Amino acid sequence: QVQLVESGGGLVQAGDSLRLSCAASGRTFSTYFVGWFRQAPGKEREFVARISPSGGITFYGNVVKGRFTISRDNAKNTMYLQMSSLKPEDTAVYYCAAGNRIGEYNYWGQGTQVTVSS
């Protein structure tokens, strides 16, 4: 089992950058597929990015491809989401998640709010 805690959200202006972190508890973090999702008010949860256990394979949702970068540091039990060229439509609560298989997320953080002003 793993517990996840996001941090790094905040209020920024369009065009700014922001880095989110997701700290995981437990000694097996390096075995999990982990990813980022987001949910804007009144909208369904949306996939943002995912990364393989070793960090060697990444995959992005079309709306963030080229602007966001996912990474992980297994030695620190932490995953990151570097967000650049932020747009107002990126405003959402961002969640990190972990699971044992691609596309299967059993553990979720509490979320961190990102607000991008125009």
C-alpha atoms as a PDB file:
ATOM      1  CA  GLN A   1       0.000   0.000   0.000  1.00  0.00           C
ATOM      2  CA  VAL A   2       1.154   3.547  -0.687  1.00  0.00           C
ATOM      3  CA  GLN A   3      -0.020   6.951   0.474  1.00  0.00           C
ATOM      4  CA  LEU A   4       0.355   9.956  -1.804  1.00  0.00           C
ATOM      5  CA  VAL A   5       0.553  13.655  -0.948  1.00  0.00           C
ATOM      6  CA  GLU A   6       0.617  16.344  -3.621  1.00  0.00           C
ATOM      7  CA  SER A   7       2.128  19.797  -3.209  1.00  0.00           C
ATOM      8  CA  GLY A   8       3.216  22.750  -5.290  1.00  0.00           C
ATOM      9  CA  GLY A   9      -0.101  24.051  -6.527  1.00  0.00           C
ATOM     10  CA  GLY A  10      -0.954  27.720  -6.539  1.00  0.00           C
ATOM     11  CA  LEU A  11      -2.085  30.769  -8.465  1.00  0.00           C
ATOM     12  CA  VAL A  12      -0.031  31.720 -11.511  1.00  0.00           C
ATOM     13  CA  GLN A  13      -0.475  33.800 -14.642  1.00  0.00           C
ATOM     14  CA  ALA A  14      -0.871  32.477 -18.143  1.00  0.00           C
ATOM     15  CA  GLY A  15       2.489  31.592 -19.629  1.00  0.00           C
ATOM     16  CA  ASP A  16       4.068  30.852 -16.251  1.00  0.00           C
ATOM     17  CA  SER A  17       5.562  27.584 -15.097  1.00  0.00           C
ATOM     18  CA  LEU A  18       4.843  25.512 -12.013  1.00  0.00           C
ATOM     19  CA  ARG A  19       6.158  22.235 -10.633  1.00  0.00           C
ATOM     20  CA  LEU A  20       3.958  19.845  -8.724  1.00  0.00           C
ATOM     21  CA  SER A  21       5.340  17.161  -6.438  1.00  0.00           C
ATOM     22  CA  CYS A  22       3.823  13.939  -5.239  1.00  0.00           C
ATOM     23  CA  ALA A  23       5.462  12.377  -2.188  1.00  0.00           C
ATOM     24  CA  ALA A  24       4.798   8.705  -1.559  1.00  0.00           C
ATOM     25  CA  SER A  25       5.074   6.681   1.603  1.00  0.00           C
ATOM     26  CA  GLY A  26       6.191   3.076   1.659  1.00  0.00           C
ATOM     27  CA  ARG A  27       9.211   1.211   0.431  1.00  0.00           C
ATOM     28  CA  THR A  28       7.703  -0.066  -2.804  1.00  0.00           C
ATOM     29  CA  PHE A  29       7.153   3.225  -4.637  1.00  0.00           C
ATOM     30  CA  SER A  30       9.646   2.207  -7.310  1.00  0.00           C
ATOM     31  CA  THR A  31       7.441  -0.723  -8.322  1.00  0.00           C
ATOM     32  CA  TYR A  32       4.375   1.387  -9.120  1.00  0.00           C
ATOM     33  CA  PHE A  33       3.137   2.961 -12.301  1.00  0.00           C
ATOM     34  CA  VAL A  34       2.279   6.523 -11.320  1.00  0.00           C
ATOM     35  CA  GLY A  35       0.449   9.305 -13.038  1.00  0.00           C
ATOM     36  CA  TRP A  36      -1.184  12.698 -12.856  1.00  0.00           C
ATOM     37  CA  PHE A  37      -4.830  13.523 -13.419  1.00  0.00           C
ATOM     38  CA  ARG A  38      -6.784  16.728 -13.137  1.00  0.00           C
ATOM     39  CA  GLN A  39     -10.360  17.777 -12.632  1.00  0.00           C
ATOM     40  CA  ALA A  40     -11.783  21.190 -13.376  1.00  0.00           C
ATOM     41  CA  PRO A  41     -15.067  22.392 -11.857  1.00  0.00           C
ATOM     42  CA  GLY A  42     -18.018  20.826 -13.605  1.00  0.00           C
ATOM     43  CA  LYS A  43     -15.834  18.568 -15.722  1.00  0.00           C
ATOM     44  CA  GLU A  44     -14.822  14.939 -15.605  1.00  0.00           C
ATOM     45  CA  ARG A  45     -11.437  13.851 -14.366  1.00  0.00           C
ATOM     46  CA  GLU A  46      -8.856  14.039 -17.139  1.00  0.00           C
ATOM     47  CA  PHE A  47      -5.671  12.064 -17.672  1.00  0.00           C
ATOM     48  CA  VAL A  48      -2.548  14.240 -17.756  1.00  0.00           C
ATOM     49  CA  ALA A  49       0.525  11.999 -17.794  1.00  0.00           C
ATOM     50  CA  ARG A  50       1.961   8.743 -16.547  1.00  0.00           C
ATOM     51  CA  ILE A  51       5.420   7.272 -16.017  1.00  0.00           C
ATOM     52  CA  SER A  52       6.713   3.729 -15.731  1.00  0.00           C
ATOM     53  CA  PRO A  53       8.221   2.351 -12.506  1.00  0.00           C
ATOM     54  CA  SER A  54      11.784   2.882 -13.716  1.00  0.00           C
ATOM     55  CA  GLY A  55      10.981   6.292 -15.157  1.00  0.00           C
ATOM     56  CA  GLY A  56      12.041   5.266 -18.615  1.00  0.00           C
ATOM     57  CA  ILE A  57       8.667   5.446 -20.314  1.00  0.00           C
ATOM     58  CA  THR A  58       6.301   8.385 -20.211  1.00  0.00           C
ATOM     59  CA  PHE A  59       2.969   9.112 -21.829  1.00  0.00           C
ATOM     60  CA  TYR A  60       0.966  12.326 -22.015  1.00  0.00           C
ATOM     61  CA  GLY A  61      -2.547  13.457 -22.662  1.00  0.00           C
ATOM     62  CA  ASN A  62      -2.927  15.431 -25.878  1.00  0.00           C
ATOM     63  CA  VAL A  63      -3.890  18.661 -24.131  1.00  0.00           C
ATOM     64  CA  VAL A  64      -0.592  18.868 -22.231  1.00  0.00           C
ATOM     65  CA  LYS A  65       1.816  17.207 -24.629  1.00  0.00           C
ATOM     66  CA  GLY A  66       4.826  19.403 -25.259  1.00  0.00           C
ATOM     67  CA  ARG A  67       4.118  21.646 -22.277  1.00  0.00           C
ATOM     68  CA  PHE A  68       4.196  19.301 -19.277  1.00  0.00           C
ATOM     69  CA  THR A  69       6.930  16.874 -18.223  1.00  0.00           C
ATOM     70  CA  ILE A  70       6.474  14.021 -15.790  1.00  0.00           C
ATOM     71  CA  SER A  71       9.417  12.578 -13.885  1.00  0.00           C
ATOM     72  CA  ARG A  72      10.167  10.585 -10.774  1.00  0.00           C
ATOM     73  CA  ASP A  73      12.944  10.135  -8.256  1.00  0.00           C
ATOM     74  CA  ASN A  74      12.561   6.689  -6.750  1.00  0.00           C
ATOM     75  CA  ALA A  75      15.317   7.346  -4.234  1.00  0.00           C
ATOM     76  CA  LYS A  76      13.171  10.148  -2.829  1.00  0.00           C
ATOM     77  CA  ASN A  77       9.834   8.370  -3.320  1.00  0.00           C
ATOM     78  CA  THR A  78       8.657  11.402  -5.252  1.00  0.00           C
ATOM     79  CA  MET A  79       7.046  12.116  -8.591  1.00  0.00           C
ATOM     80  CA  TYR A  80       6.961  15.479 -10.318  1.00  0.00           C
ATOM     81  CA  LEU A  81       4.969  17.326 -12.932  1.00  0.00           C
ATOM     82  CA  GLN A  82       6.761  20.261 -14.508  1.00  0.00           C
ATOM     83  CA  MET A  83       4.179  22.482 -16.159  1.00  0.00           C
ATOM     84  CA  SER A  84       5.183  25.193 -18.618  1.00  0.00           C
ATOM     85  CA  SER A  85       3.317  27.656 -20.815  1.00  0.00           C
ATOM     86  CA  LEU A  86       0.327  27.357 -18.536  1.00  0.00           C
ATOM     87  CA  LYS A  87      -3.075  28.349 -19.857  1.00  0.00           C
ATOM     88  CA  PRO A  88      -6.266  29.329 -18.035  1.00  0.00           C
ATOM     89  CA  GLU A  89      -7.792  26.043 -19.208  1.00  0.00           C
ATOM     90  CA  ASP A  90      -5.143  24.200 -17.165  1.00  0.00           C
ATOM     91  CA  THR A  91      -6.931  25.403 -14.038  1.00  0.00           C
ATOM     92  CA  ALA A  92      -7.968  22.336 -12.061  1.00  0.00           C
ATOM     93  CA  VAL A  93      -7.303  20.210  -9.025  1.00  0.00           C
ATOM     94  CA  TYR A  94      -4.358  17.995  -9.865  1.00  0.00           C
ATOM     95  CA  TYR A  95      -4.146  14.498  -8.421  1.00  0.00           C
ATOM     96  CA  CYS A  96      -1.363  11.953  -8.393  1.00  0.00           C
ATOM     97  CA  ALA A  97      -2.171   8.283  -8.501  1.00  0.00           C
ATOM     98  CA  ALA A  98      -0.348   4.956  -8.316  1.00  0.00           C
ATOM     99  CA  GLY A  99      -1.063   1.409  -9.352  1.00  0.00           C
ATOM    100  CA  ASN A 100       0.510  -1.917 -10.148  1.00  0.00           C
ATOM    101  CA  ARG A 101      -0.518  -1.933 -13.813  1.00  0.00           C
ATOM    102  CA  ILE A 102      -0.710   0.593 -16.614  1.00  0.00           C
ATOM    103  CA  GLY A 103      -4.060   2.349 -16.497  1.00  0.00           C
ATOM    104  CA  GLU A 104      -5.005   0.835 -13.172  1.00  0.00           C
ATOM    105  CA  TYR A 105      -4.731   3.290 -10.300  1.00  0.00           C
ATOM    106  CA  ASN A 106      -5.526   2.014  -6.826  1.00  0.00           C
ATOM    107  CA  TYR A 107      -4.104   4.847  -4.746  1.00  0.00           C
ATOM    108  CA  TRP A 108      -4.851   8.557  -4.983  1.00  0.00           C
ATOM    109  CA  GLY A 109      -3.631  11.719  -3.335  1.00  0.00           C
ATOM    110  CA  GLN A 110      -5.908  14.419  -1.972  1.00  0.00           C
ATOM    111  CA  GLY A 111      -5.175  16.845  -4.802  1.00  0.00           C
ATOM    112  CA  THR A 112      -3.580  20.259  -5.160  1.00  0.00           C
ATOM    113  CA  GLN A 113      -5.247  23.278  -6.742  1.00  0.00           C
ATOM    114  CA  VAL A 114      -3.676  24.960  -9.747  1.00  0.00           C
ATOM    115  CA  THR A 115      -5.230  28.213 -10.907  1.00  0.00           C
ATOM    116  CA  VAL A 116      -4.021  30.005 -14.020  1.00  0.00           C
ATOM    117  CA  SER A 117      -5.209  33.560 -14.506  1.00  0.00           C
ATOM    118  CA  SER A 118      -5.427  35.198 -17.913  1.00  0.00           C
END
